[in-house]
Amino acid sequence: MKKLICVENVTQAHEKNESIVVDQDTIITPAAKDLIETFQVPLKECDKQELANVELPDNVNKATLLQLLKMILAGETQPFSCEKHSNGLKVIRGNSVEMAVFDTGNPEAKVFYQELVSKEESKISAGFLEINHSQFDWELTYEEIDYVISGTLEVTIEGKKYTAYPGDVVFVPKNSKVTWGSPDKVKLFYATYPANWSDLI
């Protein structure tokens, strides 16, 4: 069976100062490869006998694996796992979210995102955004609310800088021209209205 290494795996390995175990059946996503190079995360080769002795995490059970297999076979792969109800309700497993590179127009910026609720599902969109020791200019054609999960968020508008910390909420009105940035690595949850901002990416 193939083993997939995604951005979340690389981030966890980096934060824990661990290496990533790979073998000939390991698939590393392009975003994860970029992050491995950025963070200089070491790769450790392992043979199949060693991998056979690895235990599954407690939160992975037969039902979860079966649901994932069904999604893959149906071509419904997505960058996170979630449970859905027929009326549209869904519970997204935050620790399963694979971040993707966010094109800010600034090639120097290290920014990643993942949309969790899209315009196909709701009149608002929502997701995660990470800014890693970077900044970039952005003009909003929508309203946005951000909740800072970790790190430090800096938002500059008309020459004035506002700083938000974990637990803080930021509201940015439509048609604002701002500079998003972080002196460290910020992770935030965003919600935008209307849900059309991802058309700009």
N, C-alpha and C. Protein backbone atom coordinates (compact mmCIF):
# COMPACT_ATOMS: atom_id res chain seq x y z
N MET A 1 0.84 -1.18 0.00
CA MET A 1 0.00 0.00 0.00
C MET A 1 0.89 1.25 0.00
N LYS A 2 0.50 2.23 -0.81
CA LYS A 2 1.25 3.48 -0.89
C LYS A 2 1.07 4.31 0.38
N LYS A 3 2.11 5.03 0.76
CA LYS A 3 2.05 5.93 1.92
C LYS A 3 2.17 7.35 1.40
N LEU A 4 1.22 8.21 1.81
CA LEU A 4 1.19 9.60 1.34
C LEU A 4 1.75 10.53 2.41
N ILE A 5 2.72 11.34 2.02
CA ILE A 5 3.27 12.36 2.90
C ILE A 5 2.74 13.71 2.43
N CYS A 6 2.01 14.42 3.32
CA CYS A 6 1.44 15.71 2.96
C CYS A 6 2.04 16.81 3.84
N VAL A 7 1.60 18.03 3.62
CA VAL A 7 2.14 19.19 4.33
C VAL A 7 2.00 19.03 5.85
N GLU A 8 0.86 18.49 6.30
CA GLU A 8 0.63 18.33 7.74
C GLU A 8 1.69 17.41 8.35
N ASN A 9 2.06 16.33 7.64
CA ASN A 9 3.09 15.42 8.14
C ASN A 9 4.44 16.12 8.27
N VAL A 10 4.77 16.93 7.28
CA VAL A 10 6.05 17.66 7.30
C VAL A 10 6.07 18.68 8.43
N THR A 11 4.96 19.40 8.58
CA THR A 11 4.86 20.41 9.65
C THR A 11 5.03 19.76 11.02
N GLN A 12 4.34 18.62 11.24
CA GLN A 12 4.45 17.92 12.52
C GLN A 12 5.87 17.44 12.78
N ALA A 13 6.51 16.88 11.75
CA ALA A 13 7.88 16.40 11.90
C ALA A 13 8.82 17.57 12.23
N HIS A 14 8.61 18.70 11.57
CA HIS A 14 9.44 19.89 11.82
C HIS A 14 9.26 20.39 13.25
N GLU A 15 8.00 20.48 13.69
CA GLU A 15 7.71 20.99 15.03
C GLU A 15 8.26 20.06 16.12
N LYS A 16 8.27 18.75 15.84
CA LYS A 16 8.76 17.78 16.83
C LYS A 16 10.25 17.47 16.63
N ASN A 17 10.86 18.11 15.61
CA ASN A 17 12.27 17.88 15.30
C ASN A 17 12.54 16.40 15.01
N GLU A 18 11.66 15.81 14.21
CA GLU A 18 11.77 14.39 13.85
C GLU A 18 12.03 14.24 12.36
N SER A 19 12.47 13.06 11.96
CA SER A 19 12.64 12.78 10.54
C SER A 19 11.36 12.13 10.01
N ILE A 20 11.23 12.09 8.69
CA ILE A 20 10.08 11.45 8.05
C ILE A 20 10.54 10.11 7.47
N VAL A 21 9.81 9.06 7.81
CA VAL A 21 10.16 7.71 7.35
C VAL A 21 9.55 7.49 5.96
N VAL A 22 10.39 7.06 5.01
CA VAL A 22 9.93 6.81 3.64
C VAL A 22 10.47 5.46 3.17
N ASP A 23 9.79 4.91 2.17
CA ASP A 23 10.29 3.72 1.47
C ASP A 23 9.96 3.87 -0.01
N GLN A 24 10.15 2.79 -0.79
CA GLN A 24 9.94 2.89 -2.23
C GLN A 24 8.48 3.11 -2.60
N ASP A 25 7.54 2.87 -1.68
CA ASP A 25 6.12 3.07 -1.95
C ASP A 25 5.59 4.40 -1.42
N THR A 26 6.47 5.26 -0.93
CA THR A 26 6.04 6.54 -0.36
C THR A 26 5.80 7.57 -1.47
N ILE A 27 4.66 8.27 -1.36
CA ILE A 27 4.34 9.37 -2.28
C ILE A 27 4.37 10.66 -1.46
N ILE A 28 5.14 11.64 -1.94
CA ILE A 28 5.23 12.93 -1.26
C ILE A 28 4.59 13.97 -2.17
N THR A 29 3.59 14.70 -1.64
CA THR A 29 2.91 15.71 -2.45
C THR A 29 3.90 16.83 -2.81
N PRO A 30 3.67 17.53 -3.92
CA PRO A 30 4.58 18.63 -4.31
C PRO A 30 4.71 19.69 -3.22
N ALA A 31 3.59 20.05 -2.57
CA ALA A 31 3.65 21.06 -1.50
C ALA A 31 4.49 20.55 -0.34
N ALA A 32 4.36 19.25 -0.03
CA ALA A 32 5.14 18.67 1.07
C ALA A 32 6.63 18.65 0.71
N LYS A 33 6.96 18.37 -0.56
CA LYS A 33 8.37 18.38 -1.00
C LYS A 33 8.98 19.76 -0.80
N ASP A 34 8.21 20.80 -1.18
CA ASP A 34 8.70 22.18 -1.01
C ASP A 34 8.95 22.48 0.47
N LEU A 35 8.05 22.02 1.32
CA LEU A 35 8.17 22.29 2.75
C LEU A 35 9.33 21.52 3.37
N ILE A 36 9.55 20.29 2.90
CA ILE A 36 10.69 19.50 3.38
C ILE A 36 11.99 20.24 3.09
N GLU A 37 12.06 20.83 1.90
CA GLU A 37 13.26 21.59 1.52
C GLU A 37 13.38 22.87 2.35
N THR A 38 12.25 23.57 2.55
CA THR A 38 12.25 24.81 3.32
C THR A 38 12.67 24.57 4.76
N PHE A 39 12.07 23.55 5.40
CA PHE A 39 12.33 23.26 6.81
C PHE A 39 13.56 22.37 7.01
N GLN A 40 14.12 21.83 5.90
CA GLN A 40 15.26 20.92 5.97
C GLN A 40 14.93 19.71 6.87
N VAL A 41 13.74 19.14 6.68
CA VAL A 41 13.32 17.97 7.45
C VAL A 41 14.04 16.74 6.89
N PRO A 42 14.75 15.98 7.74
CA PRO A 42 15.46 14.80 7.24
C PRO A 42 14.52 13.65 6.89
N LEU A 43 14.87 12.92 5.83
CA LEU A 43 14.12 11.74 5.42
C LEU A 43 14.89 10.50 5.85
N LYS A 44 14.18 9.52 6.40
CA LYS A 44 14.79 8.28 6.85
C LYS A 44 14.20 7.13 6.06
N GLU A 45 15.07 6.38 5.36
CA GLU A 45 14.59 5.25 4.58
C GLU A 45 14.33 4.07 5.49
N CYS A 46 13.26 3.36 5.19
CA CYS A 46 12.83 2.25 6.03
C CYS A 46 12.37 1.11 5.12
N ASP A 47 12.69 -0.12 5.49
CA ASP A 47 12.22 -1.23 4.67
C ASP A 47 10.82 -1.65 5.11
N LYS A 48 10.17 -2.49 4.30
CA LYS A 48 8.78 -2.86 4.55
C LYS A 48 8.60 -3.63 5.84
N GLN A 49 9.61 -4.39 6.25
CA GLN A 49 9.49 -5.16 7.49
C GLN A 49 9.36 -4.22 8.69
N GLU A 50 10.14 -3.12 8.68
CA GLU A 50 10.04 -2.14 9.76
C GLU A 50 8.68 -1.48 9.76
N LEU A 51 8.17 -1.14 8.56
CA LEU A 51 6.87 -0.49 8.46
C LEU A 51 5.74 -1.41 8.90
N ALA A 52 5.90 -2.70 8.70
CA ALA A 52 4.85 -3.66 9.08
C ALA A 52 4.64 -3.66 10.59
N ASN A 53 5.66 -3.27 11.34
CA ASN A 53 5.55 -3.27 12.80
C ASN A 53 5.02 -1.95 13.37
N VAL A 54 4.77 -0.97 12.48
CA VAL A 54 4.27 0.32 12.95
C VAL A 54 2.79 0.21 13.27
N GLU A 55 2.39 0.72 14.44
CA GLU A 55 0.99 0.68 14.85
C GLU A 55 0.26 1.92 14.33
N LEU A 56 -1.03 1.73 14.02
CA LEU A 56 -1.85 2.85 13.59
C LEU A 56 -2.17 3.75 14.77
N PRO A 57 -2.32 5.06 14.54
CA PRO A 57 -2.73 5.94 15.64
C PRO A 57 -4.11 5.54 16.17
N ASP A 58 -4.38 5.91 17.42
CA ASP A 58 -5.65 5.54 18.06
C ASP A 58 -6.86 6.08 17.31
N ASN A 59 -6.72 7.26 16.68
CA ASN A 59 -7.87 7.88 16.04
C ASN A 59 -8.16 7.31 14.64
N VAL A 60 -7.36 6.34 14.18
CA VAL A 60 -7.60 5.70 12.90
C VAL A 60 -8.22 4.33 13.16
N ASN A 61 -9.43 4.13 12.67
CA ASN A 61 -10.09 2.85 12.86
C ASN A 61 -10.52 2.28 11.52
N LYS A 62 -11.10 1.10 11.55
CA LYS A 62 -11.50 0.39 10.34
C LYS A 62 -12.52 1.21 9.53
N ALA A 63 -13.48 1.84 10.23
CA ALA A 63 -14.51 2.62 9.55
C ALA A 63 -13.91 3.83 8.82
N THR A 64 -12.95 4.50 9.48
CA THR A 64 -12.29 5.66 8.86
C THR A 64 -11.53 5.23 7.61
N LEU A 65 -10.79 4.13 7.71
CA LEU A 65 -10.03 3.64 6.55
C LEU A 65 -10.95 3.22 5.42
N LEU A 66 -12.09 2.60 5.75
CA LEU A 66 -13.05 2.17 4.74
C LEU A 66 -13.66 3.39 4.04
N GLN A 67 -14.00 4.42 4.83
CA GLN A 67 -14.56 5.64 4.24
C GLN A 67 -13.55 6.31 3.31
N LEU A 68 -12.29 6.35 3.72
CA LEU A 68 -11.23 6.95 2.90
C LEU A 68 -11.06 6.17 1.60
N LEU A 69 -11.06 4.84 1.69
CA LEU A 69 -10.92 3.99 0.50
C LEU A 69 -12.07 4.23 -0.47
N LYS A 70 -13.29 4.32 0.05
CA LYS A 70 -14.45 4.58 -0.81
C LYS A 70 -14.32 5.91 -1.52
N MET A 71 -13.86 6.93 -0.80
CA MET A 71 -13.67 8.25 -1.40
C MET A 71 -12.63 8.21 -2.52
N ILE A 72 -11.53 7.50 -2.27
CA ILE A 72 -10.46 7.40 -3.28
C ILE A 72 -10.97 6.69 -4.52
N LEU A 73 -11.67 5.57 -4.33
CA LEU A 73 -12.20 4.80 -5.46
C LEU A 73 -13.24 5.58 -6.24
N ALA A 74 -13.99 6.45 -5.54
CA ALA A 74 -15.01 7.26 -6.19
C ALA A 74 -14.44 8.55 -6.78
N GLY A 75 -13.14 8.75 -6.60
CA GLY A 75 -12.50 9.95 -7.11
C GLY A 75 -12.85 11.19 -6.31
N GLU A 76 -13.22 11.01 -5.05
CA GLU A 76 -13.64 12.13 -4.21
C GLU A 76 -12.55 12.54 -3.22
N THR A 77 -11.30 12.41 -3.61
CA THR A 77 -10.24 12.77 -2.68
C THR A 77 -10.28 14.27 -2.40
N GLN A 78 -9.99 14.64 -1.18
CA GLN A 78 -9.94 16.04 -0.79
C GLN A 78 -8.82 16.20 0.23
N PRO A 79 -8.36 17.43 0.43
CA PRO A 79 -7.19 17.64 1.30
C PRO A 79 -7.48 17.63 2.80
N PHE A 80 -8.59 17.02 3.20
CA PHE A 80 -8.90 16.87 4.63
C PHE A 80 -9.99 15.81 4.76
N SER A 81 -10.11 15.25 5.95
CA SER A 81 -11.18 14.29 6.18
C SER A 81 -12.31 14.97 6.94
N CYS A 82 -13.53 14.56 6.64
CA CYS A 82 -14.69 15.14 7.31
C CYS A 82 -15.87 14.19 7.26
N GLU A 83 -16.81 14.44 8.14
CA GLU A 83 -18.07 13.72 8.14
C GLU A 83 -19.14 14.68 7.66
N LYS A 84 -20.07 14.18 6.81
CA LYS A 84 -21.11 15.06 6.26
C LYS A 84 -22.49 14.49 6.54
N HIS A 85 -23.44 15.41 6.72
CA HIS A 85 -24.84 15.05 6.85
C HIS A 85 -25.53 15.40 5.54
N SER A 86 -26.65 14.78 5.24
CA SER A 86 -27.35 15.01 3.97
C SER A 86 -27.81 16.46 3.79
N ASN A 87 -27.98 17.21 4.90
CA ASN A 87 -28.44 18.61 4.77
C ASN A 87 -27.28 19.58 4.53
N GLY A 88 -26.03 19.07 4.49
CA GLY A 88 -24.88 19.93 4.22
C GLY A 88 -23.97 20.14 5.41
N LEU A 89 -24.45 19.81 6.62
CA LEU A 89 -23.60 19.93 7.80
C LEU A 89 -22.36 19.07 7.61
N LYS A 90 -21.22 19.58 8.04
CA LYS A 90 -20.02 18.74 8.00
C LYS A 90 -19.09 19.07 9.15
N VAL A 91 -18.40 18.05 9.61
CA VAL A 91 -17.40 18.19 10.66
C VAL A 91 -16.05 17.88 10.03
N ILE A 92 -15.17 18.88 10.01
CA ILE A 92 -13.85 18.73 9.38
C ILE A 92 -12.83 18.42 10.46
N ARG A 93 -12.04 17.39 10.25
CA ARG A 93 -11.00 17.02 11.20
C ARG A 93 -9.80 17.93 10.98
N GLY A 94 -9.63 18.90 11.89
CA GLY A 94 -8.60 19.91 11.73
C GLY A 94 -7.20 19.36 11.60
N ASN A 95 -6.91 18.25 12.29
CA ASN A 95 -5.56 17.68 12.22
C ASN A 95 -5.31 16.92 10.92
N SER A 96 -6.33 16.81 10.06
CA SER A 96 -6.15 16.11 8.79
C SER A 96 -5.96 17.07 7.62
N VAL A 97 -6.08 18.37 7.86
CA VAL A 97 -6.07 19.35 6.77
C VAL A 97 -4.68 19.49 6.16
N GLU A 98 -4.62 19.31 4.84
CA GLU A 98 -3.35 19.48 4.11
C GLU A 98 -3.34 20.87 3.50
N MET A 99 -2.37 21.67 3.90
CA MET A 99 -2.28 23.04 3.40
C MET A 99 -1.65 23.07 2.01
N ALA A 100 -2.06 24.05 1.22
CA ALA A 100 -1.53 24.22 -0.14
C ALA A 100 -0.88 25.60 -0.23
N VAL A 101 0.01 25.77 -1.21
CA VAL A 101 0.67 27.06 -1.40
C VAL A 101 -0.35 28.08 -1.86
N PHE A 102 -0.34 29.25 -1.22
CA PHE A 102 -1.23 30.35 -1.58
C PHE A 102 -0.44 31.34 -2.42
N ASP A 103 -0.93 31.60 -3.65
CA ASP A 103 -0.23 32.51 -4.55
C ASP A 103 -0.59 33.95 -4.21
N THR A 104 0.33 34.63 -3.54
CA THR A 104 0.11 36.01 -3.10
C THR A 104 0.56 37.03 -4.13
N GLY A 105 1.26 36.56 -5.17
CA GLY A 105 1.86 37.48 -6.11
C GLY A 105 3.27 37.89 -5.69
N ASN A 106 3.65 37.49 -4.48
CA ASN A 106 4.99 37.76 -3.96
C ASN A 106 5.72 36.43 -3.83
N PRO A 107 6.65 36.12 -4.73
CA PRO A 107 7.34 34.82 -4.70
C PRO A 107 8.18 34.60 -3.44
N GLU A 108 8.48 35.67 -2.71
CA GLU A 108 9.27 35.55 -1.48
C GLU A 108 8.41 35.12 -0.29
N ALA A 109 7.11 35.34 -0.39
CA ALA A 109 6.21 35.06 0.74
C ALA A 109 5.97 33.56 0.90
N LYS A 110 6.02 33.09 2.15
CA LYS A 110 5.71 31.69 2.47
C LYS A 110 4.33 31.67 3.09
N VAL A 111 3.33 31.46 2.25
CA VAL A 111 1.94 31.50 2.69
C VAL A 111 1.22 30.25 2.19
N PHE A 112 0.43 29.65 3.07
CA PHE A 112 -0.28 28.41 2.76
C PHE A 112 -1.73 28.55 3.21
N TYR A 113 -2.63 27.84 2.54
CA TYR A 113 -4.05 27.92 2.89
C TYR A 113 -4.75 26.61 2.58
N GLN A 114 -5.96 26.48 3.09
CA GLN A 114 -6.84 25.41 2.67
C GLN A 114 -8.27 25.86 2.91
N GLU A 115 -9.04 25.90 1.84
CA GLU A 115 -10.46 26.26 1.97
C GLU A 115 -11.22 25.04 2.48
N LEU A 116 -12.02 25.24 3.51
CA LEU A 116 -12.77 24.14 4.13
C LEU A 116 -14.25 24.20 3.80
N VAL A 117 -14.76 25.40 3.61
CA VAL A 117 -16.15 25.61 3.20
C VAL A 117 -16.11 26.48 1.96
N SER A 118 -16.70 26.02 0.86
CA SER A 118 -16.58 26.73 -0.41
C SER A 118 -17.90 27.39 -0.82
N LYS A 119 -17.82 28.18 -1.89
CA LYS A 119 -19.01 28.87 -2.39
C LYS A 119 -20.05 27.89 -2.94
N GLU A 120 -19.62 26.68 -3.28
CA GLU A 120 -20.57 25.67 -3.73
C GLU A 120 -21.44 25.17 -2.58
N GLU A 121 -20.98 25.37 -1.35
CA GLU A 121 -21.69 24.88 -0.17
C GLU A 121 -22.41 25.98 0.60
N SER A 122 -21.92 27.22 0.50
CA SER A 122 -22.40 28.27 1.40
C SER A 122 -22.23 29.64 0.77
N LYS A 123 -22.90 30.63 1.36
CA LYS A 123 -22.73 32.02 0.92
C LYS A 123 -21.48 32.62 1.52
N ILE A 124 -20.84 31.92 2.47
CA ILE A 124 -19.55 32.32 3.02
C ILE A 124 -18.54 31.24 2.69
N SER A 125 -17.27 31.60 2.68
CA SER A 125 -16.22 30.59 2.57
C SER A 125 -15.41 30.66 3.86
N ALA A 126 -14.73 29.56 4.17
CA ALA A 126 -13.95 29.52 5.40
C ALA A 126 -12.81 28.53 5.23
N GLY A 127 -11.75 28.75 6.02
CA GLY A 127 -10.61 27.84 5.94
C GLY A 127 -9.48 28.26 6.85
N PHE A 128 -8.31 27.67 6.62
CA PHE A 128 -7.11 27.99 7.38
C PHE A 128 -6.14 28.76 6.50
N LEU A 129 -5.36 29.65 7.11
CA LEU A 129 -4.30 30.37 6.41
C LEU A 129 -3.09 30.41 7.32
N GLU A 130 -1.91 30.17 6.75
CA GLU A 130 -0.65 30.26 7.49
C GLU A 130 0.28 31.23 6.78
N ILE A 131 0.92 32.11 7.55
CA ILE A 131 1.93 33.03 7.02
C ILE A 131 3.20 32.78 7.83
N ASN A 132 4.26 32.39 7.14
CA ASN A 132 5.50 31.99 7.80
C ASN A 132 6.60 33.04 7.57
N HIS A 133 6.85 33.89 8.59
CA HIS A 133 7.90 34.91 8.51
C HIS A 133 7.85 35.67 7.18
N SER A 134 6.65 36.10 6.79
CA SER A 134 6.47 36.74 5.48
C SER A 134 5.41 37.83 5.57
N GLN A 135 5.28 38.57 4.47
CA GLN A 135 4.19 39.52 4.34
C GLN A 135 3.83 39.67 2.87
N PHE A 136 2.59 40.11 2.61
CA PHE A 136 2.15 40.31 1.22
C PHE A 136 0.99 41.30 1.21
N ASP A 137 0.87 42.02 0.10
CA ASP A 137 -0.21 43.00 -0.07
C ASP A 137 -1.44 42.29 -0.65
N TRP A 138 -2.63 42.75 -0.22
CA TRP A 138 -3.85 42.11 -0.69
C TRP A 138 -5.00 43.12 -0.66
N GLU A 139 -5.82 43.11 -1.71
CA GLU A 139 -7.01 43.96 -1.74
C GLU A 139 -8.23 43.05 -1.63
N LEU A 140 -9.07 43.30 -0.64
CA LEU A 140 -10.22 42.45 -0.38
C LEU A 140 -11.44 42.94 -1.16
N THR A 141 -12.05 42.05 -1.91
CA THR A 141 -13.30 42.35 -2.62
C THR A 141 -14.46 41.71 -1.87
N TYR A 142 -14.26 41.45 -0.58
CA TYR A 142 -15.21 40.74 0.27
C TYR A 142 -14.93 41.16 1.72
N GLU A 143 -15.84 40.83 2.63
CA GLU A 143 -15.60 41.03 4.05
C GLU A 143 -14.91 39.80 4.61
N GLU A 144 -14.04 39.99 5.58
CA GLU A 144 -13.31 38.85 6.15
C GLU A 144 -13.21 38.95 7.66
N ILE A 145 -13.40 37.83 8.31
CA ILE A 145 -13.18 37.72 9.76
C ILE A 145 -12.12 36.64 9.97
N ASP A 146 -11.11 36.96 10.80
CA ASP A 146 -10.02 36.03 11.08
C ASP A 146 -9.92 35.78 12.58
N TYR A 147 -9.70 34.52 12.93
CA TYR A 147 -9.46 34.14 14.32
C TYR A 147 -8.04 33.59 14.39
N VAL A 148 -7.19 34.20 15.21
CA VAL A 148 -5.79 33.78 15.30
C VAL A 148 -5.69 32.54 16.20
N ILE A 149 -5.20 31.45 15.63
CA ILE A 149 -5.05 30.19 16.37
C ILE A 149 -3.71 30.15 17.09
N SER A 150 -2.65 30.49 16.35
CA SER A 150 -1.31 30.50 16.93
C SER A 150 -0.44 31.52 16.20
N GLY A 151 0.63 31.96 16.87
CA GLY A 151 1.55 32.91 16.25
C GLY A 151 1.04 34.34 16.33
N THR A 152 1.68 35.21 15.55
CA THR A 152 1.39 36.64 15.57
C THR A 152 0.97 37.10 14.19
N LEU A 153 -0.19 37.74 14.10
CA LEU A 153 -0.68 38.29 12.84
C LEU A 153 -0.51 39.80 12.85
N GLU A 154 0.06 40.33 11.76
CA GLU A 154 0.18 41.77 11.60
C GLU A 154 -0.60 42.19 10.36
N VAL A 155 -1.50 43.16 10.54
CA VAL A 155 -2.30 43.69 9.43
C VAL A 155 -2.03 45.18 9.35
N THR A 156 -1.52 45.63 8.20
CA THR A 156 -1.21 47.05 8.02
C THR A 156 -2.18 47.63 7.01
N ILE A 157 -2.81 48.75 7.40
CA ILE A 157 -3.75 49.44 6.51
C ILE A 157 -3.50 50.94 6.61
N GLU A 158 -3.33 51.58 5.45
CA GLU A 158 -3.06 53.02 5.37
C GLU A 158 -1.92 53.44 6.29
N GLY A 159 -0.87 52.61 6.31
CA GLY A 159 0.34 52.92 7.06
C GLY A 159 0.29 52.60 8.54
N LYS A 160 -0.86 52.15 9.06
CA LYS A 160 -0.98 51.81 10.48
C LYS A 160 -1.02 50.29 10.65
N LYS A 161 -0.15 49.79 11.56
CA LYS A 161 -0.05 48.34 11.78
C LYS A 161 -0.86 47.93 13.00
N TYR A 162 -1.65 46.87 12.83
CA TYR A 162 -2.41 46.29 13.93
C TYR A 162 -1.89 44.87 14.16
N THR A 163 -1.71 44.49 15.41
CA THR A 163 -1.16 43.17 15.75
C THR A 163 -2.20 42.36 16.51
N ALA A 164 -2.36 41.10 16.10
CA ALA A 164 -3.31 40.19 16.74
C ALA A 164 -2.57 38.94 17.20
N TYR A 165 -2.99 38.42 18.35
CA TYR A 165 -2.35 37.26 18.99
C TYR A 165 -3.36 36.12 19.14
N PRO A 166 -2.90 34.93 19.53
CA PRO A 166 -3.82 33.79 19.68
C PRO A 166 -5.05 34.16 20.53
N GLY A 167 -6.22 33.83 19.98
CA GLY A 167 -7.47 34.15 20.65
C GLY A 167 -8.10 35.43 20.17
N ASP A 168 -7.34 36.27 19.43
CA ASP A 168 -7.87 37.54 18.93
C ASP A 168 -8.66 37.32 17.63
N VAL A 169 -9.60 38.22 17.38
CA VAL A 169 -10.43 38.20 16.18
C VAL A 169 -10.20 39.49 15.41
N VAL A 170 -10.03 39.38 14.10
CA VAL A 170 -9.81 40.55 13.24
C VAL A 170 -10.94 40.62 12.21
N PHE A 171 -11.52 41.80 12.04
CA PHE A 171 -12.52 42.02 10.98
C PHE A 171 -11.94 42.99 9.97
N VAL A 172 -12.01 42.64 8.68
CA VAL A 172 -11.52 43.51 7.61
C VAL A 172 -12.69 43.78 6.65
N PRO A 173 -13.10 45.06 6.50
CA PRO A 173 -14.22 45.39 5.61
C PRO A 173 -13.87 45.19 4.13
N LYS A 174 -14.90 45.05 3.34
CA LYS A 174 -14.76 44.92 1.89
C LYS A 174 -14.05 46.15 1.32
N ASN A 175 -13.28 45.95 0.25
CA ASN A 175 -12.54 46.98 -0.47
C ASN A 175 -11.37 47.56 0.32
N SER A 176 -10.91 46.85 1.34
CA SER A 176 -9.72 47.28 2.08
C SER A 176 -8.46 46.83 1.36
N LYS A 177 -7.44 47.70 1.36
CA LYS A 177 -6.12 47.34 0.85
C LYS A 177 -5.22 47.18 2.06
N VAL A 178 -4.76 45.96 2.30
CA VAL A 178 -3.98 45.69 3.50
C VAL A 178 -2.70 44.93 3.16
N THR A 179 -1.79 44.93 4.12
CA THR A 179 -0.62 44.07 4.05
C THR A 179 -0.75 43.06 5.18
N TRP A 180 -0.83 41.78 4.81
CA TRP A 180 -0.87 40.70 5.79
C TRP A 180 0.57 40.30 6.09
N GLY A 181 0.87 39.98 7.34
CA GLY A 181 2.22 39.53 7.65
C GLY A 181 2.32 38.86 8.99
N SER A 182 3.47 38.23 9.22
CA SER A 182 3.76 37.62 10.51
C SER A 182 5.26 37.64 10.75
N PRO A 183 5.69 38.10 11.94
CA PRO A 183 7.12 38.07 12.27
C PRO A 183 7.57 36.67 12.68
N ASP A 184 6.59 35.77 12.89
CA ASP A 184 6.90 34.38 13.22
C ASP A 184 6.09 33.50 12.28
N LYS A 185 5.33 32.59 12.78
CA LYS A 185 4.48 31.76 11.92
C LYS A 185 3.08 31.79 12.50
N VAL A 186 2.18 32.46 11.81
CA VAL A 186 0.81 32.58 12.29
C VAL A 186 -0.09 31.58 11.57
N LYS A 187 -1.02 31.00 12.31
CA LYS A 187 -2.06 30.17 11.71
C LYS A 187 -3.38 30.78 12.14
N LEU A 188 -4.27 30.99 11.16
CA LEU A 188 -5.55 31.57 11.50
C LEU A 188 -6.68 30.86 10.77
N PHE A 189 -7.86 31.00 11.33
CA PHE A 189 -9.09 30.51 10.69
C PHE A 189 -9.78 31.73 10.12
N TYR A 190 -10.17 31.67 8.84
CA TYR A 190 -10.82 32.81 8.20
C TYR A 190 -12.23 32.45 7.75
N ALA A 191 -13.07 33.46 7.67
CA ALA A 191 -14.39 33.33 7.05
C ALA A 191 -14.60 34.58 6.21
N THR A 192 -15.04 34.40 4.95
CA THR A 192 -15.24 35.54 4.06
C THR A 192 -16.67 35.56 3.54
N TYR A 193 -17.17 36.76 3.29
CA TYR A 193 -18.50 36.93 2.69
C TYR A 193 -18.43 38.06 1.68
N PRO A 194 -18.91 37.85 0.46
CA PRO A 194 -19.44 36.59 -0.06
C PRO A 194 -18.33 35.60 -0.35
N ALA A 195 -18.72 34.37 -0.61
CA ALA A 195 -17.75 33.28 -0.79
C ALA A 195 -17.21 33.26 -2.22
N ASN A 196 -16.47 34.29 -2.60
CA ASN A 196 -15.91 34.31 -3.96
C ASN A 196 -14.43 34.62 -3.99
N TRP A 197 -13.81 34.74 -2.80
CA TRP A 197 -12.39 35.15 -2.76
C TRP A 197 -11.48 34.14 -3.43
N SER A 198 -11.85 32.84 -3.37
CA SER A 198 -10.96 31.82 -3.93
C SER A 198 -10.89 31.91 -5.46
N ASP A 199 -11.82 32.63 -6.08
CA ASP A 199 -11.74 32.83 -7.54
C ASP A 199 -10.51 33.65 -7.91
N LEU A 200 -9.97 34.38 -6.93
CA LEU A 200 -8.83 35.27 -7.19
C LEU A 200 -7.51 34.54 -7.17
N ILE A 201 -7.49 33.29 -6.65
CA ILE A 201 -6.23 32.56 -6.49
C ILE A 201 -5.79 31.97 -7.80
